[in-house]
PDB file of N, CA and C in Angstrom:
ATOM      1  N   MET A   1       0.591  -1.175   0.109  1.00  0.00           N
ATOM      2  CA  MET A   1      -0.188   0.032  -0.493  1.00  0.00           C
ATOM      3  C   MET A   1       0.900   1.868   0.161  1.00  0.00           C
ATOM      4  N   THR A   2       0.571   2.107  -0.455  1.00  0.00           N
ATOM      5  CA  THR A   2       1.274   3.332  -1.181  1.00  0.00           C
ATOM      6  C   THR A   2       0.375   4.440  -1.465  1.00  0.00           C
ATOM      7  N   GLN A   3       1.118   5.964  -0.929  1.00  0.00           N
ATOM      8  CA  GLN A   3       0.018   6.912  -1.513  1.00  0.00           C
ATOM      9  C   GLN A   3       1.179   7.518  -2.591  1.00  0.00           C
ATOM     10  N   ASN A   4       1.861   6.553  -2.874  1.00  0.00           N
ATOM     11  CA  ASN A   4       2.977   7.260  -4.894  1.00  0.00           C
ATOM     12  C   ASN A   4       2.076   6.839  -5.350  1.00  0.00           C
ATOM     13  N   ARG A   5       1.656   7.828  -6.575  1.00  0.00           N
ATOM     14  CA  ARG A   5       0.288   7.222  -7.719  1.00  0.00           C
ATOM     15  C   ARG A   5       1.408   6.370  -8.459  1.00  0.00           C
ATOM     16  N   SER A   6       3.074   7.130  -8.623  1.00  0.00           N
ATOM     17  CA  SER A   6       3.605   5.980  -9.777  1.00  0.00           C
ATOM     18  C   SER A   6       4.454   4.910  -9.207  1.00  0.00           C
ATOM     19  N   GLU A   7       4.028   4.792  -7.800  1.00  0.00           N
ATOM     20  CA  GLU A   7       4.671   2.952  -7.055  1.00  0.00           C
ATOM     21  C   GLU A   7       3.333   2.517  -7.283  1.00  0.00           C
ATOM     22  N   ALA A   8       2.893   1.978  -7.333  1.00  0.00           N
ATOM     23  CA  ALA A   8       1.508   1.847  -6.824  1.00  0.00           C
ATOM     24  C   ALA A   8       0.981   0.435  -8.045  1.00  0.00           C
ATOM     25  N   ARG A   9       0.247  -0.644  -8.268  1.00  0.00           N
ATOM     26  CA  ARG A   9       0.510  -1.646  -8.979  1.00  0.00           C
ATOM     27  C   ARG A   9      -1.352  -1.379  -9.407  1.00  0.00           C
ATOM     28  N   PHE A  10      -2.474  -1.252  -8.085  1.00  0.00           N
ATOM     29  CA  PHE A  10      -3.551  -0.957  -8.311  1.00  0.00           C
ATOM     30  C   PHE A  10      -4.629   0.888  -7.402  1.00  0.00           C
ATOM     31  N   LEU A  11      -5.259   1.440  -8.396  1.00  0.00           N
ATOM     32  CA  LEU A  11      -5.720   2.350  -7.301  1.00  0.00           C
ATOM     33  C   LEU A  11      -7.239   2.337  -6.986  1.00  0.00           C
ATOM     34  N   LEU A  12      -7.428   2.937  -6.421  1.00  0.00           N
ATOM     35  CA  LEU A  12      -8.835   2.160  -5.504  1.00  0.00           C
ATOM     36  C   LEU A  12     -10.028   3.670  -5.657  1.00  0.00           C
ATOM     37  N   THR A  13     -10.923   3.888  -6.765  1.00  0.00           N
ATOM     38  CA  THR A  13     -11.061   4.981  -6.734  1.00  0.00           C
ATOM     39  C   THR A  13     -12.715   4.520  -6.278  1.00  0.00           C
ATOM     40  N   SER A  14     -12.907   6.065  -6.295  1.00  0.00           N
ATOM     41  CA  SER A  14     -15.099   5.740  -5.254  1.00  0.00           C
ATOM     42  C   SER A  14     -15.833   7.147  -5.686  1.00  0.00           C
ATOM     43  N   ALA A  15     -16.622   6.589  -5.630  1.00  0.00           N
ATOM     44  CA  ALA A  15     -17.549   7.928  -5.840  1.00  0.00           C
ATOM     45  C   ALA A  15     -19.114   7.730  -4.328  1.00  0.00           C
ATOM     46  N   VAL A  16     -19.362   8.249  -4.081  1.00  0.00           N
ATOM     47  CA  VAL A  16     -20.136   8.349  -2.941  1.00  0.00           C
ATOM     48  C   VAL A  16     -21.243   9.633  -3.400  1.00  0.00           C
ATOM     49  N   GLU A  17     -22.959   9.249  -3.203  1.00  0.00           N
ATOM     50  CA  GLU A  17     -24.102  10.056  -3.416  1.00  0.00           C
ATOM     51  C   GLU A  17     -24.539   9.836  -1.912  1.00  0.00           C
ATOM     52  N   ALA A  18     -25.227  10.715  -1.081  1.00  0.00           N
ATOM     53  CA  ALA A  18     -25.913  10.538  -0.577  1.00  0.00           C
ATOM     54  C   ALA A  18     -27.063  12.105  -0.291  1.00  0.00           C
ATOM     55  N   LYS A  19     -28.156  11.559  -0.632  1.00  0.00           N
ATOM     56  CA  LYS A  19     -29.888  12.166  -1.035  1.00  0.00           C
ATOM     57  C   LYS A  19     -30.754  11.742   0.228  1.00  0.00           C
ATOM     58  N   GLU A  20     -30.628  12.788   0.903  1.00  0.00           N
ATOM     59  CA  GLU A  20     -31.165  13.593   2.468  1.00  0.00           C
ATOM     60  C   GLU A  20     -32.728  13.371   1.349  1.00  0.00           C
ATOM     61  N   GLU A  21     -33.492  13.109   2.387  1.00  0.00           N
ATOM     62  CA  GLU A  21     -34.997  13.290   1.783  1.00  0.00           C
ATOM     63  C   GLU A  21     -35.444  14.610   2.362  1.00  0.00           C
ATOM     64  N   SER A  22     -36.845  14.758   1.596  1.00  0.00           N
ATOM     65  CA  SER A  22     -37.253  16.657   2.275  1.00  0.00           C
ATOM     66  C   SER A  22     -38.207  16.660   3.378  1.00  0.00           C
ATOM     67  N   ALA A  23     -38.001  17.699   4.116  1.00  0.00           N
ATOM     68  CA  ALA A  23     -39.155  17.918   4.649  1.00  0.00           C
ATOM     69  C   ALA A  23     -40.534  17.169   4.176  1.00  0.00           C
ATOM     70  N   GLY A  24     -40.967  17.739   3.385  1.00  0.00           N
ATOM     71  CA  GLY A  24     -42.075  17.784   2.680  1.00  0.00           C
ATOM     72  C   GLY A  24     -42.022  16.602   1.919  1.00  0.00           C
ATOM     73  N   SER A  25     -41.089  15.365   1.262  1.00  0.00           N
ATOM     74  CA  SER A  25     -41.257  14.276   0.879  1.00  0.00           C
ATOM     75  C   SER A  25     -41.768  13.550   2.285  1.00  0.00           C
ATOM     76  N   LYS A  26     -40.385  13.877   3.670  1.00  0.00           N
ATOM     77  CA  LYS A  26     -40.882  13.454   4.917  1.00  0.00           C
ATOM     78  C   LYS A  26     -42.499  12.976   5.555  1.00  0.00           C
ATOM     79  N   ILE A  27     -42.537  13.777   5.566  1.00  0.00           N
ATOM     80  CA  ILE A  27     -44.540  14.140   5.638  1.00  0.00           C
ATOM     81  C   ILE A  27     -45.535  13.811   4.748  1.00  0.00           C
ATOM     82  N   ALA A  28     -44.883  14.135   3.507  1.00  0.00           N
ATOM     83  CA  ALA A  28     -46.156  13.102   2.196  1.00  0.00           C
ATOM     84  C   ALA A  28     -45.531  11.484   2.439  1.00  0.00           C
ATOM     85  N   ARG A  29     -44.829  10.741   2.628  1.00  0.00           N
ATOM     86  CA  ARG A  29     -44.613   9.346   2.854  1.00  0.00           C
ATOM     87  C   ARG A  29     -45.098   9.000   3.747  1.00  0.00           C
ATOM     88  N   CYS A  30     -44.899   9.522   5.194  1.00  0.00           N
ATOM     89  CA  CYS A  30     -45.524   9.521   6.195  1.00  0.00           C
ATOM     90  C   CYS A  30     -46.918   9.157   5.962  1.00  0.00           C
ATOM     91  N   LEU A  31     -47.871  10.617   5.506  1.00  0.00           N
ATOM     92  CA  LEU A  31     -49.502  10.467   5.409  1.00  0.00           C
ATOM     93  C   LEU A  31     -49.737   9.875   4.697  1.00  0.00           C
ATOM     94  N   PHE A  32     -49.539   9.026   3.374  1.00  0.00           N
ATOM     95  CA  PHE A  32     -49.731   8.226   2.673  1.00  0.00           C
ATOM     96  C   PHE A  32     -49.216   7.023   2.192  1.00  0.00           C
ATOM     97  N   VAL A  33     -48.063   6.995   2.491  1.00  0.00           N
ATOM     98  CA  VAL A  33     -47.777   5.217   2.623  1.00  0.00           C
ATOM     99  C   VAL A  33     -47.510   5.119   3.581  1.00  0.00           C
ATOM    100  N   TYR A  34     -46.045   5.233   3.926  1.00  0.00           N
ATOM    101  CA  TYR A  34     -44.935   4.809   5.408  1.00  0.00           C
ATOM    102  C   TYR A  34     -43.973   5.573   5.857  1.00  0.00           C
ATOM    103  N   CYS A  35     -43.830   5.491   7.005  1.00  0.00           N
ATOM    104  CA  CYS A  35     -42.385   5.967   7.127  1.00  0.00           C
ATOM    105  C   CYS A  35     -40.616   5.286   6.346  1.00  0.00           C
ATOM    106  N   ALA A  36     -41.261   4.419   6.118  1.00  0.00           N
ATOM    107  CA  ALA A  36     -39.306   3.314   5.600  1.00  0.00           C
ATOM    108  C   ALA A  36     -39.027   4.546   4.658  1.00  0.00           C
ATOM    109  N   GLY A  37     -37.799   4.773   5.026  1.00  0.00           N
ATOM    110  CA  GLY A  37     -37.070   5.893   4.026  1.00  0.00           C
ATOM    111  C   GLY A  37     -36.531   6.799   4.153  1.00  0.00           C
ATOM    112  N   ILE A  38     -37.241   7.393   5.065  1.00  0.00           N
ATOM    113  CA  ILE A  38     -37.674   8.550   5.217  1.00  0.00           C
ATOM    114  C   ILE A  38     -35.958   9.247   4.873  1.00  0.00           C
ATOM    115  N   GLN A  39     -34.815   8.347   6.029  1.00  0.00           N
ATOM    116  CA  GLN A  39     -34.528   8.380   6.147  1.00  0.00           C
ATOM    117  C   GLN A  39     -32.991   8.666   4.753  1.00  0.00           C
ATOM    118  N   GLY A  40     -33.727   8.902   3.909  1.00  0.00           N
ATOM    119  CA  GLY A  40     -32.362   9.059   2.432  1.00  0.00           C
ATOM    120  C   GLY A  40     -31.957   7.537   2.143  1.00  0.00           C
ATOM    121  N   THR A  41     -31.151   7.637   1.733  1.00  0.00           N
ATOM    122  CA  THR A  41     -30.470   7.267   0.656  1.00  0.00           C
ATOM    123  C   THR A  41     -28.754   7.395   0.718  1.00  0.00           C
ATOM    124  N   GLN A  42     -27.961   6.360   0.709  1.00  0.00           N
ATOM    125  CA  GLN A  42     -26.779   6.611  -0.016  1.00  0.00           C
ATOM    126  C   GLN A  42     -26.327   5.540  -0.922  1.00  0.00           C
ATOM    127  N   THR A  43     -25.686   6.095  -2.338  1.00  0.00           N
ATOM    128  CA  THR A  43     -24.765   5.076  -3.007  1.00  0.00           C
ATOM    129  C   THR A  43     -23.208   5.044  -2.874  1.00  0.00           C
ATOM    130  N   ALA A  44     -22.952   4.468  -2.842  1.00  0.00           N
ATOM    131  CA  ALA A  44     -21.441   3.778  -3.043  1.00  0.00           C
ATOM    132  C   ALA A  44     -20.719   2.743  -4.256  1.00  0.00           C
ATOM    133  N   THR A  45     -19.646   2.966  -5.184  1.00  0.00           N
ATOM    134  CA  THR A  45     -19.706   2.769  -6.128  1.00  0.00           C
ATOM    135  C   THR A  45     -17.742   2.649  -6.144  1.00  0.00           C
ATOM    136  N   VAL A  46     -17.693   1.812  -6.201  1.00  0.00           N
ATOM    137  CA  VAL A  46     -15.295   1.936  -5.864  1.00  0.00           C
ATOM    138  C   VAL A  46     -14.955   0.138  -6.986  1.00  0.00           C
ATOM    139  N   GLN A  47     -14.307   1.392  -7.228  1.00  0.00           N
ATOM    140  CA  GLN A  47     -13.441  -0.414  -8.091  1.00  0.00           C
ATOM    141  C   GLN A  47     -11.363   0.423  -8.510  1.00  0.00           C
ATOM    142  N   LEU A  48     -11.516  -1.604  -8.304  1.00  0.00           N
ATOM    143  CA  LEU A  48      -9.908  -1.089  -8.069  1.00  0.00           C
ATOM    144  C   LEU A  48      -9.317  -1.359  -9.717  1.00  0.00           C
ATOM    145  N   ILE A  49      -8.695  -0.201  -9.636  1.00  0.00           N
ATOM    146  CA  ILE A  49      -7.745  -0.087 -11.339  1.00  0.00           C
ATOM    147  C   ILE A  49      -6.614  -0.956 -10.943  1.00  0.00           C
ATOM    148  N   ASP A  50      -6.592  -1.911 -12.495  1.00  0.00           N
ATOM    149  CA  ASP A  50      -4.921  -1.770 -12.955  1.00  0.00           C
ATOM    150  C   ASP A  50      -4.235  -0.985 -12.708  1.00  0.00           C
ATOM    151  N   ALA A  51      -3.078  -0.192 -12.316  1.00  0.00           N
ATOM    152  CA  ALA A  51      -2.386   1.083 -12.625  1.00  0.00           C
ATOM    153  C   ALA A  51      -1.351   0.926 -13.996  1.00  0.00           C
ATOM    154  N   GLN A  52      -1.375   0.033 -14.282  1.00  0.00           N
ATOM    155  CA  GLN A  52      -0.604  -0.666 -15.411  1.00  0.00           C
ATOM    156  C   GLN A  52      -1.471  -0.445 -16.863  1.00  0.00           C
ATOM    157  N   THR A  53      -2.392  -1.460 -17.042  1.00  0.00           N
ATOM    158  CA  THR A  53      -3.229  -1.429 -18.088  1.00  0.00           C
ATOM    159  C   THR A  53      -4.422  -0.506 -17.845  1.00  0.00           C
ATOM    160  N   GLN A  54      -4.536  -0.144 -17.433  1.00  0.00           N
ATOM    161  CA  GLN A  54      -6.336   0.812 -16.576  1.00  0.00           C
ATOM    162  C   GLN A  54      -7.283  -0.117 -16.307  1.00  0.00           C
ATOM    163  N   GLU A  55      -7.193  -1.721 -16.484  1.00  0.00           N
ATOM    164  CA  GLU A  55      -8.259  -2.785 -16.807  1.00  0.00           C
ATOM    165  C   GLU A  55      -8.661  -2.840 -15.643  1.00  0.00           C
ATOM    166  N   VAL A  56     -10.533  -2.238 -15.071  1.00  0.00           N
ATOM    167  CA  VAL A  56     -10.806  -2.780 -13.826  1.00  0.00           C
ATOM    168  C   VAL A  56     -10.954  -3.923 -13.183  1.00  0.00           C
ATOM    169  N   ALA A  57     -10.063  -3.914 -12.506  1.00  0.00           N
ATOM    170  CA  ALA A  57      -9.844  -5.738 -12.159  1.00  0.00           C
ATOM    171  C   ALA A  57     -11.147  -5.622 -11.359  1.00  0.00           C
ATOM    172  N   TRP A  58     -11.744  -5.387 -10.320  1.00  0.00           N
ATOM    173  CA  TRP A  58     -13.134  -5.323  -9.408  1.00  0.00           C
ATOM    174  C   TRP A  58     -13.933  -4.024  -9.629  1.00  0.00           C
ATOM    175  N   ALA A  59     -15.080  -4.043  -8.928  1.00  0.00           N
ATOM    176  CA  ALA A  59     -15.882  -3.418  -9.130  1.00  0.00           C
ATOM    177  C   ALA A  59     -16.757  -3.697  -7.832  1.00  0.00           C
ATOM    178  N   TYR A  60     -17.987  -3.185  -7.464  1.00  0.00           N
ATOM    179  CA  TYR A  60     -18.617  -2.825  -6.227  1.00  0.00           C
ATOM    180  C   TYR A  60     -19.457  -1.564  -6.445  1.00  0.00           C
ATOM    181  N   ASN A  61     -20.782  -1.968  -5.810  1.00  0.00           N
ATOM    182  CA  ASN A  61     -21.978  -1.577  -6.154  1.00  0.00           C
ATOM    183  C   ASN A  61     -22.351  -1.161  -4.859  1.00  0.00           C
ATOM    184  N   VAL A  62     -23.228  -0.347  -4.144  1.00  0.00           N
ATOM    185  CA  VAL A  62     -24.109  -0.522  -2.529  1.00  0.00           C
ATOM    186  C   VAL A  62     -24.547   0.785  -2.259  1.00  0.00           C
ATOM    187  N   ARG A  63     -26.262   0.430  -2.207  1.00  0.00           N
ATOM    188  CA  ARG A  63     -27.188   1.284  -1.943  1.00  0.00           C
ATOM    189  C   ARG A  63     -27.332   1.497  -0.304  1.00  0.00           C
ATOM    190  N   LYS A  64     -27.176   1.814   0.796  1.00  0.00           N
ATOM    191  CA  LYS A  64     -28.063   1.860   1.564  1.00  0.00           C
ATOM    192  C   LYS A  64     -29.309   2.479   1.620  1.00  0.00           C
ATOM    193  N   GLY A  65     -29.903   2.622   2.759  1.00  0.00           N
ATOM    194  CA  GLY A  65     -31.183   3.280   3.490  1.00  0.00           C
ATOM    195  C   GLY A  65     -31.117   4.510   4.411  1.00  0.00           C
ATOM    196  N   SER A  66     -29.763   4.696   4.175  1.00  0.00           N
ATOM    197  CA  SER A  66     -29.687   5.880   5.055  1.00  0.00           C
ATOM    198  C   SER A  66     -28.576   7.339   4.896  1.00  0.00           C
ATOM    199  N   ALA A  67     -29.111   8.778   4.219  1.00  0.00           N
ATOM    200  CA  ALA A  67     -27.860   9.427   3.568  1.00  0.00           C
ATOM    201  C   ALA A  67     -26.580   9.452   5.051  1.00  0.00           C
ATOM    202  N   SER A  68     -26.940   9.125   6.025  1.00  0.00           N
ATOM    203  CA  SER A  68     -25.672   8.779   6.879  1.00  0.00           C
ATOM    204  C   SER A  68     -25.200   7.494   7.132  1.00  0.00           C
ATOM    205  N   ALA A  69     -25.371   6.745   6.189  1.00  0.00           N
ATOM    206  CA  ALA A  69     -25.000   5.209   6.678  1.00  0.00           C
ATOM    207  C   ALA A  69     -23.220   4.894   6.176  1.00  0.00           C
ATOM    208  N   TYR A  70     -22.751   5.688   6.420  1.00  0.00           N
ATOM    209  CA  TYR A  70     -20.720   6.051   5.869  1.00  0.00           C
ATOM    210  C   TYR A  70     -20.611   4.010   6.525  1.00  0.00           C
ATOM    211  N   GLN A  71     -20.440   4.217   7.832  1.00  0.00           N
ATOM    212  CA  GLN A  71     -20.176   3.271   8.186  1.00  0.00           C
ATOM    213  C   GLN A  71     -20.235   1.951   7.861  1.00  0.00           C
ATOM    214  N   SER A  72     -21.722   1.461   7.177  1.00  0.00           N
ATOM    215  CA  SER A  72     -21.881   0.333   7.650  1.00  0.00           C
ATOM    216  C   SER A  72     -21.691  -0.335   5.642  1.00  0.00           C
ATOM    217  N   THR A  73     -21.561   1.656   4.282  1.00  0.00           N
ATOM    218  CA  THR A  73     -20.553   1.268   3.195  1.00  0.00           C
ATOM    219  C   THR A  73     -20.096   0.983   3.285  1.00  0.00           C
ATOM    220  N   ALA A  74     -18.807   1.655   4.718  1.00  0.00           N
ATOM    221  CA  ALA A  74     -17.948   1.619   3.982  1.00  0.00           C
ATOM    222  C   ALA A  74     -17.386  -0.241   4.919  1.00  0.00           C
ATOM    223  N   GLU A  75     -18.067  -0.829   5.528  1.00  0.00           N
ATOM    224  CA  GLU A  75     -18.144  -2.222   5.597  1.00  0.00           C
ATOM    225  C   GLU A  75     -18.479  -3.793   4.912  1.00  0.00           C
ATOM    226  N   SER A  76     -18.883  -2.883   3.848  1.00  0.00           N
ATOM    227  CA  SER A  76     -20.066  -3.882   3.337  1.00  0.00           C
ATOM    228  C   SER A  76     -18.875  -3.285   1.171  1.00  0.00           C
ATOM    229  N   ILE A  77     -18.200  -1.943   1.532  1.00  0.00           N
ATOM    230  CA  ILE A  77     -17.308  -2.571   0.456  1.00  0.00           C
ATOM    231  C   ILE A  77     -15.984  -3.183   1.286  1.00  0.00           C
ATOM    232  N   ALA A  78     -15.684  -3.160   2.413  1.00  0.00           N
ATOM    233  CA  ALA A  78     -14.397  -3.671   2.325  1.00  0.00           C
ATOM    234  C   ALA A  78     -14.988  -5.633   2.493  1.00  0.00           C
ATOM    235  N   LYS A  79     -15.876  -6.301   3.304  1.00  0.00           N
ATOM    236  CA  LYS A  79     -16.121  -6.906   2.763  1.00  0.00           C
ATOM    237  C   LYS A  79     -16.574  -7.806   1.941  1.00  0.00           C
ATOM    238  N   HIS A  80     -16.195  -6.864   0.772  1.00  0.00           N
ATOM    239  CA  HIS A  80     -16.733  -8.106  -0.142  1.00  0.00           C
ATOM    240  C   HIS A  80     -15.742  -7.266  -1.466  1.00  0.00           C
ATOM    241  N   LEU A  81     -14.719  -6.537  -0.324  1.00  0.00           N
ATOM    242  CA  LEU A  81     -12.958  -6.152  -1.959  1.00  0.00           C
ATOM    243  C   LEU A  81     -12.155  -7.414  -1.053  1.00  0.00           C
ATOM    244  N   LYS A  82     -12.053  -7.310   0.637  1.00  0.00           N
ATOM    245  CA  LYS A  82     -11.250  -8.543   1.369  1.00  0.00           C
ATOM    246  C   LYS A  82     -11.745 -10.070   0.126  1.00  0.00           C
ATOM    247  N   GLU A  83     -13.704 -10.521   0.032  1.00  0.00           N
ATOM    248  CA  GLU A  83     -13.632 -11.576  -0.249  1.00  0.00           C
ATOM    249  C   GLU A  83     -12.948 -11.480  -2.112  1.00  0.00           C
ATOM    250  N   PHE A  84     -12.377 -10.589  -2.739  1.00  0.00           N
ATOM    251  CA  PHE A  84     -12.610 -11.106  -4.112  1.00  0.00           C
ATOM    252  C   PHE A  84     -10.966 -10.811  -3.995  1.00  0.00           C
ATOM    253  N   LEU A  85      -9.951 -10.392  -3.499  1.00  0.00           N
ATOM    254  CA  LEU A  85      -8.921 -10.231  -3.243  1.00  0.00           C
ATOM    255  C   LEU A  85      -8.002 -11.780  -2.256  1.00  0.00           C
ATOM    256  N   GLU A  86      -8.462 -12.592  -1.494  1.00  0.00           N
ATOM    257  CA  GLU A  86      -8.582 -13.771  -1.130  1.00  0.00           C
ATOM    258  C   GLU A  86      -8.449 -14.788  -2.256  1.00  0.00           C
ATOM    259  N   LYS A  87      -9.511 -14.344  -3.120  1.00  0.00           N
ATOM    260  CA  LYS A  87      -9.765 -15.168  -4.166  1.00  0.00           C
ATOM    261  C   LYS A  87      -8.934 -15.077  -5.472  1.00  0.00           C
ATOM    262  N   HIS A  88      -8.746 -13.882  -5.294  1.00  0.00           N
ATOM    263  CA  HIS A  88      -7.513 -13.278  -6.382  1.00  0.00           C
ATOM    264  C   HIS A  88      -6.047 -12.422  -6.336  1.00  0.00           C
ATOM    265  N   PRO A  89      -5.838 -13.896  -5.000  1.00  0.00           N
ATOM    266  CA  PRO A  89      -3.858 -13.111  -4.921  1.00  0.00           C
ATOM    267  C   PRO A  89      -2.874 -12.874  -6.397  1.00  0.00           C
ATOM    268  N   ARG A  90      -1.903 -11.824  -5.799  1.00  0.00           N
ATOM    269  CA  ARG A  90      -1.850 -10.927  -6.867  1.00  0.00           C
ATOM    270  C   ARG A  90      -0.763 -11.305  -6.712  1.00  0.00           C
TER     271      ARG A  90
END
């Protein structure tokens, strides 16, 4: 593991989108449907890229039912990345 990009064998890229529900949509959802999902959502996408070939070696996308579920999102990514690395040692 290194922070020097020129020495890296792989690069890990990520994008996270957190979407909060507005107050109006929270009220409407609770009045007409049910209150589930009023915390918003969080979606994260991660790619493990070969630094030499620029090929995507592994990718994972996760969606959580809360806009502030950063720890849960990170744990899910770490679990799946670990499984990949154990099955495909380099």
